Each structure stands twice: as structure tokens, then as C-alpha cells.
C-alpha atoms as a PDB file:
ATOM      1  CA  MET A   1     -28.664 -90.699 -43.999  1.00  0.00           C
ATOM      2  CA  GLY A   2     -29.327 -92.164 -47.387  1.00  0.00           C
ATOM      3  CA  LEU A   3     -28.645 -91.675 -51.050  1.00  0.00           C
ATOM      4  CA  ALA A   4     -29.840 -92.964 -54.396  1.00  0.00           C
ATOM      5  CA  TRP A   5     -27.846 -92.531 -57.578  1.00  0.00           C
ATOM      6  CA  ARG A   6     -28.588 -93.378 -61.186  1.00  0.00           C
ATOM      7  CA  PRO A   7     -25.211 -93.438 -62.995  1.00  0.00           C
ATOM      8  CA  SER A   8     -26.667 -93.165 -66.489  1.00  0.00           C
ATOM      9  CA  ALA A   9     -29.917 -91.654 -67.714  1.00  0.00           C
ATOM     10  CA  LYS A  10     -30.011 -94.262 -70.527  1.00  0.00           C
ATOM     11  CA  ARG A  11     -29.821 -97.306 -68.229  1.00  0.00           C
ATOM     12  CA  SER A  12     -32.051 -98.486 -65.400  1.00  0.00           C
ATOM     13  CA  THR A  13     -29.230 -99.155 -62.933  1.00  0.00           C
ATOM     14  CA  VAL A  14     -29.768 -97.529 -59.512  1.00  0.00           C
ATOM     15  CA  VAL A  15     -27.266 -97.518 -56.635  1.00  0.00           C
ATOM     16  CA  ARG A  16     -28.680 -96.959 -53.143  1.00  0.00           C
ATOM     17  CA  GLY A  17     -26.907 -96.610 -49.830  1.00  0.00           C
ATOM     18  CA  GLY A  18     -27.660 -95.608 -46.276  1.00  0.00           C
ATOM     19  CA  TRP A  19     -26.172 -95.285 -42.810  1.00  0.00           C
ATOM     20  CA  GLY A  20     -27.796 -94.763 -39.423  1.00  0.00           C
ATOM     21  CA  LEU A  21     -26.734 -94.331 -35.797  1.00  0.00           C
ATOM     22  CA  TYR A  22     -29.139 -95.578 -33.107  1.00  0.00           C
ATOM     23  CA  TYR A  23     -28.645 -94.968 -29.374  1.00  0.00           C
ATOM     24  CA  LEU A  24     -30.054 -97.286 -26.690  1.00  0.00           C
ATOM     25  CA  THR A  25     -31.886 -94.598 -24.705  1.00  0.00           C
ATOM     26  CA  SER A  26     -34.441 -96.969 -23.153  1.00  0.00           C
ATOM     27  CA  VAL A  27     -31.765 -98.035 -20.645  1.00  0.00           C
ATOM     28  CA  TYR A  28     -32.489 -94.910 -18.569  1.00  0.00           C
ATOM     29  CA  ALA A  29     -35.982 -96.150 -17.678  1.00  0.00           C
ATOM     30  CA  ASN A  30     -34.655 -99.573 -16.605  1.00  0.00           C
ATOM     31  CA  VAL A  31     -31.903 -98.082 -14.443  1.00  0.00           C
ATOM     32  CA  ALA A  32     -34.281 -95.602 -12.784  1.00  0.00           C
ATOM     33  CA  ASN A  33     -36.852 -98.322 -12.103  1.00  0.00           C
ATOM     34  CA  ASN A  34     -34.300-100.720 -10.581  1.00  0.00           C
ATOM     35  CA  MET A  35     -32.691 -98.022  -8.449  1.00  0.00           C
ATOM     36  CA  SER A  36     -36.037 -96.794  -7.099  1.00  0.00           C
ATOM     37  CA  GLN A  37     -36.952-100.240  -5.785  1.00  0.00           C
ATOM     38  CA  GLN A  38     -34.141-100.500  -3.233  1.00  0.00           C
ATOM     39  CA  PRO A  39     -33.033 -98.638  -0.080  1.00  0.00           C
ATOM     40  CA  PRO A  40     -33.062 -95.769   0.742  1.00  0.00           C
ATOM     41  CA  LEU A  41     -35.815 -94.972  -1.801  1.00  0.00           C
ATOM     42  CA  SER A  42     -37.824 -98.066  -0.939  1.00  0.00           C
ATOM     43  CA  THR A  43     -38.161 -99.998   2.289  1.00  0.00           C
ATOM     44  CA  SER A  44     -39.333-103.580   2.500  1.00  0.00           C
ATOM     45  CA  ARG A  45     -40.164-105.695   5.518  1.00  0.00           C
ATOM     46  CA  ASN A  46     -40.620-109.424   5.834  1.00  0.00           C
ATOM     47  CA  LEU A  47     -42.818-110.625   8.681  1.00  0.00           C
ATOM     48  CA  TYR A  48     -42.233-114.096  10.043  1.00  0.00           C
ATOM     49  CA  LEU A  49     -45.046-115.823  11.935  1.00  0.00           C
ATOM     50  CA  THR A  50     -45.091-119.173  13.642  1.00  0.00           C
ATOM     51  CA  ASP A  51     -48.159-121.410  13.592  1.00  0.00           C
ATOM     52  CA  GLY A  52     -49.015-120.351  17.175  1.00  0.00           C
ATOM     53  CA  ALA A  53     -49.132-116.661  16.161  1.00  0.00           C
ATOM     54  CA  ARG A  54     -51.882-117.158  13.567  1.00  0.00           C
ATOM     55  CA  SER A  55     -54.587-116.715  16.206  1.00  0.00           C
ATOM     56  CA  GLY A  56     -54.899-114.855  19.455  1.00  0.00           C
ATOM     57  CA  PRO A  57     -53.724-111.370  20.427  1.00  0.00           C
ATOM     58  CA  SER A  58     -50.492-111.497  18.331  1.00  0.00           C
ATOM     59  CA  ALA A  59     -52.276-112.492  15.093  1.00  0.00           C
ATOM     60  CA  LEU A  60     -51.425-110.507  11.988  1.00  0.00           C
ATOM     61  CA  THR A  61     -54.436-108.563  10.731  1.00  0.00           C
ATOM     62  CA  ILE A  62     -55.003-106.008   8.012  1.00  0.00           C
ATOM     63  CA  GLY A  63     -55.035-103.260  10.627  1.00  0.00           C
ATOM     64  CA  THR A  64     -51.668-104.270  12.142  1.00  0.00           C
ATOM     65  CA  ALA A  65     -49.820-105.649   9.106  1.00  0.00           C
ATOM     66  CA  LEU A  66     -47.855-102.487   8.315  1.00  0.00           C
ATOM     67  CA  VAL A  67     -47.240-101.319  11.873  1.00  0.00           C
ATOM     68  CA  SER A  68     -46.566-104.672  13.518  1.00  0.00           C
ATOM     69  CA  PRO A  69     -43.375-104.678  15.645  1.00  0.00           C
ATOM     70  CA  MET A  70     -42.686-108.331  14.758  1.00  0.00           C
ATOM     71  CA  ALA A  71     -39.306-109.591  13.593  1.00  0.00           C
ATOM     72  CA  THR A  72     -38.209-108.053  10.315  1.00  0.00           C
ATOM     73  CA  ASP A  73     -35.580-108.761   7.726  1.00  0.00           C
ATOM     74  CA  THR A  74     -33.432-105.959   6.307  1.00  0.00           C
ATOM     75  CA  SER A  75     -32.759-105.653   2.583  1.00  0.00           C
ATOM     76  CA  THR A  76     -29.567-104.443   1.007  1.00  0.00           C
ATOM     77  CA  ASN A  77     -28.904-103.007  -2.420  1.00  0.00           C
ATOM     78  CA  THR A  78     -29.295-105.581  -5.148  1.00  0.00           C
ATOM     79  CA  PHE A  79     -28.775-103.362  -8.202  1.00  0.00           C
ATOM     80  CA  ALA A  80     -25.884-101.082  -9.058  1.00  0.00           C
ATOM     81  CA  VAL A  81     -24.624 -99.117 -12.054  1.00  0.00           C
ATOM     82  CA  ASP A  82     -21.006 -99.015 -13.154  1.00  0.00           C
ATOM     83  CA  PRO A  83     -19.763 -95.431 -12.659  1.00  0.00           C
ATOM     84  CA  ASN A  84     -18.016 -95.698 -16.051  1.00  0.00           C
ATOM     85  CA  TYR A  85     -21.202 -96.861 -17.790  1.00  0.00           C
ATOM     86  CA  LYS A  86     -21.612 -95.628 -21.364  1.00  0.00           C
ATOM     87  CA  ILE A  87     -24.835 -95.675 -23.349  1.00  0.00           C
ATOM     88  CA  GLY A  88     -24.648 -98.231 -26.133  1.00  0.00           C
ATOM     89  CA  TYR A  89     -25.324 -97.538 -29.774  1.00  0.00           C
ATOM     90  CA  ALA A  90     -25.535 -99.387 -33.058  1.00  0.00           C
ATOM     91  CA  GLN A  91     -24.447 -98.306 -36.510  1.00  0.00           C
ATOM     92  CA  GLN A  92     -26.226 -99.781 -39.501  1.00  0.00           C
ATOM     93  CA  TRP A  93     -25.309 -99.425 -43.151  1.00  0.00           C
ATOM     94  CA  GLN A  94     -26.601-100.747 -46.429  1.00  0.00           C
ATOM     95  CA  LEU A  95     -25.522-100.625 -50.074  1.00  0.00           C
ATOM     96  CA  SER A  96     -27.509-102.037 -52.993  1.00  0.00           C
ATOM     97  CA  VAL A  97     -27.403-102.072 -56.789  1.00  0.00           C
ATOM     98  CA  GLN A  98     -30.659-102.563 -58.686  1.00  0.00           C
ATOM     99  CA  GLN A  99     -31.033-103.335 -62.408  1.00  0.00           C
ATOM    100  CA  ASN A 100     -34.077-103.876 -64.602  1.00  0.00           C
ATOM    101  CA  LEU A 101     -33.960-107.008 -66.761  1.00  0.00           C
ATOM    102  CA  PRO A 102     -35.915-108.035 -69.866  1.00  0.00           C
ATOM    103  CA  TYR A 103     -39.519-109.297 -69.530  1.00  0.00           C
ATOM    104  CA  SER A 104     -40.288-107.057 -66.530  1.00  0.00           C
ATOM    105  CA  PHE A 105     -37.784-108.840 -64.269  1.00  0.00           C
ATOM    106  CA  GLN A 106     -35.593-106.972 -61.839  1.00  0.00           C
ATOM    107  CA  THR A 107     -32.491-107.938 -59.860  1.00  0.00           C
ATOM    108  CA  THR A 108     -31.034-106.418 -56.724  1.00  0.00           C
ATOM    109  CA  VAL A 109     -27.720-107.134 -55.016  1.00  0.00           C
ATOM    110  CA  ALA A 110     -27.378-105.736 -51.495  1.00  0.00           C
ATOM    111  CA  TYR A 111     -25.006-105.666 -48.555  1.00  0.00           C
ATOM    112  CA  GLN A 112     -26.134-104.805 -45.038  1.00  0.00           C
ATOM    113  CA  GLY A 113     -24.064-104.479 -41.878  1.00  0.00           C
ATOM    114  CA  THR A 114     -24.494-103.641 -38.214  1.00  0.00           C
ATOM    115  CA  LYS A 115     -21.886-102.811 -35.577  1.00  0.00           C
ATOM    116  CA  GLY A 116     -22.791-102.478 -31.902  1.00  0.00           C
ATOM    117  CA  THR A 117     -20.688-100.491 -29.414  1.00  0.00           C
ATOM    118  CA  ASN A 118     -21.049-100.532 -25.593  1.00  0.00           C
ATOM    119  CA  LEU A 119     -24.182-102.686 -25.766  1.00  0.00           C
ATOM    120  CA  ASP A 120     -25.546-104.037 -22.461  1.00  0.00           C
ATOM    121  CA  ARG A 121     -24.663-107.571 -21.458  1.00  0.00           C
ATOM    122  CA  ARG A 122     -26.561-109.550 -18.849  1.00  0.00           C
ATOM    123  CA  PHE A 123     -24.540-111.991 -16.811  1.00  0.00           C
ATOM    124  CA  THR A 124     -26.068-115.291 -15.758  1.00  0.00           C
ATOM    125  CA  PRO A 125     -24.878-116.622 -12.396  1.00  0.00           C
ATOM    126  CA  TRP A 126     -22.764-119.779 -12.389  1.00  0.00           C
ATOM    127  CA  VAL A 127     -21.774-119.469 -16.046  1.00  0.00           C
ATOM    128  CA  THR A 128     -18.108-119.946 -16.814  1.00  0.00           C
ATOM    129  CA  PRO A 129     -16.509-117.326 -19.093  1.00  0.00           C
ATOM    130  CA  PRO A 130     -15.136-118.588 -22.427  1.00  0.00           C
ATOM    131  CA  GLY A 131     -11.687-120.102 -22.046  1.00  0.00           C
ATOM    132  CA  ALA A 132     -11.878-120.457 -18.228  1.00  0.00           C
ATOM    133  CA  ALA A 133     -11.857-123.738 -16.337  1.00  0.00           C
ATOM    134  CA  ALA A 134     -15.324-125.019 -15.468  1.00  0.00           C
ATOM    135  CA  ALA A 135     -16.434-123.862 -12.025  1.00  0.00           C
ATOM    136  CA  PRO A 136     -18.407-126.207  -9.781  1.00  0.00           C
ATOM    137  CA  TYR A 137     -22.032-125.339  -9.091  1.00  0.00           C
ATOM    138  CA  PRO A 138     -22.897-124.132  -5.574  1.00  0.00           C
ATOM    139  CA  THR A 139     -24.169-126.684  -3.099  1.00  0.00           C
ATOM    140  CA  GLY A 140     -27.848-127.506  -3.536  1.00  0.00           C
ATOM    141  CA  VAL A 141     -28.072-126.438  -7.177  1.00  0.00           C
ATOM    142  CA  HIS A 142     -29.204-129.137  -9.558  1.00  0.00           C
ATOM    143  CA  VAL A 143     -28.681-128.834 -13.276  1.00  0.00           C
END
């Protein structure tokens, strides 16, 4: 939504304003993609071979790679969605006053703002929340 207003027909002052509401609808594609890549919609197998199994009758070949009864590793869900999840949105607004000056100069004063609500946040593992005591890093992690 926007508006432009000229308070006086004799002066060159123009007041402009606008407001917009923008929803983060692209999140649906990310959620659907992440959910489709885990059980039960997707199955993954890891095959473990020892050096002795690289040749001979138990060797892994293109013909037996997907049907091989070798040891496998099971995968569990690695992605989930909060059941109370709400789609985020941002509101943007702007107000400006424009005035013509002598010698073909022009001046504009403007204010612009943005407010986000329910925007997605990504959490990084091993990061301490603000105000909390520092947590030690897991064993084997070097910073």
C-alpha cells in the first residue's frame, strides 16, 4: 500500500508513504525437501567392506551394490518441524518528504523501518545462548 500527497498546489513539497506485508512462503519447499529425505519416505544403506572383501566372490560390484546382503547401518530422522510452527512475515514501512530547492536542487528526508515476526532461526551446535555460562566443547572438537 502506498500514498503520495502534495499538501499545496503552489509548493513543490510531496509527502510519500508506504507499508507492505511479506510472508516467508519459501519455507514450505525447504521443509518438504528435508522431510522427504528421511525414513520412511527415503531409505539409505551404508555398506562396510574390509580390505579382504575387495576381491573374490564377496566383492562389491555394480550388479550387486543395491541388493548386497552385507552389513548395513540404519538411519533415523534427522529433521523435524515444531508442531506449533508459524510462518514468518515481515512488515516494512517508509515515509518521506521531498522538496524542490533553487537552482534545480532537490532534498528528500526519509524514514524506513522493518519488523520481522516469527522469522526462522538456525541454531549452531555448541553455541552458548546469551547470558548462559559457557559450555565446554565435546571431546575431540578443536576450535
